[in-house]
Amino acid sequence: MRAAGARASGVSWSPRHEARVTWLFLYRDLSASVIPAALFTLSAGRYFQSSAGHLLIAFGQVLVWLVLYLYTFCLANQLTGIEEDRLLKPDRPLPRGLVTPRGVWARWAVAMPVFTLLGWRLGVLPYTLLWQAATVLYNFCGWGAWGFSKNLVMMLGAAAQLGAAWTLVGPADATAWRWILALTILFVGPAVHIQDLRDLDGDRRTGRRTLPLLFGEEATRRYLSVFLFLVPAVLWLALYAPLPSGPRVVVCGLAVTAACWTVAWRVRHRRGRRADHATYMGYTYIYCLILASGMLVF
């Protein structure tokens, strides 16, 4: 792996080089994985009234687990998407020549068993194995090339990350599973296709059949905008209505509604790759907002 990195970058391997490469592998997806799940850990700490020491340890464990969660997926995903990245994301390590495919394979071969061992050691092995299976199916078995199987993998990923994030603080009870399942089924699953609007050109060139390519871009935009307009009411009933009423619950519900309606408007009225990327980032920020709201309402 050291030699591969040196050949690819033209300089001797160093921890600094590896840190830079790792950042370039990961940074685009932090707001859809590491950040929201880490916020859910803090919400779980509020729910359990955890001591500062216990929460600090759990938060550190979650961050390490989540970085490997994202790292193992991004390595596999970028290995199988080199041509698309050359076209649309040329700043990634493989198109830039900072690493070779052989070097990425070596990293993935090491990271996967390390991730498994970490999941076992932390007591979240089922969530770890679930995500590893989803990673292989998505990247090497064609599940990422079709709209509905891609959607399913994202739902499994959300369930895995949120389940692990909560469990490292305390046992996943009915409240935890209500939030995990509601967000996975009612928000992540139906709305993750926002990402596909941004990636239309790359998906078309690589033969993927995402929702906009199956049913048309305009139909997908109409569907997503209507969904995002209606989903705050569904999330209110699923997440906030069962909690004791109070001003904090109302504020969180209104904030989620405003954010969803803003992204719904952008889906219909702001188009083009850069605008659609900003819209997708807005969707990930709603996910973060909902998971952070537990710190106020639990």
Foldseek 3Di string as FASTA:
>chain_A
DQVQLCVQAVHGDDPVLVVVLLCLLFVLCCLQFVQQLLLLLLLLCLVVVPDPVLSVVLSVLLNVLRSLLRSLLSLLQCLQQVVLCCVPPCSHCDNSSSGDNVRSVVVNVVSLVVSQVSCVVLVLNVLSVQSVVLSCCCRPVVLVQEAQSVLVSSLSSQLSSNCSSNVSRHDCDPLSVLVSCCCSPLPSNLQVCLVVQLSVVSSVVVNGHHPCNVPNLVVSLVSQLVSLQPSLVVCCVRHQVVFPDDPLSVVLSVVLNVLSNVLSVLSNPPHDNVSSSVSSSSSSVSSSSVSNSSSVGD
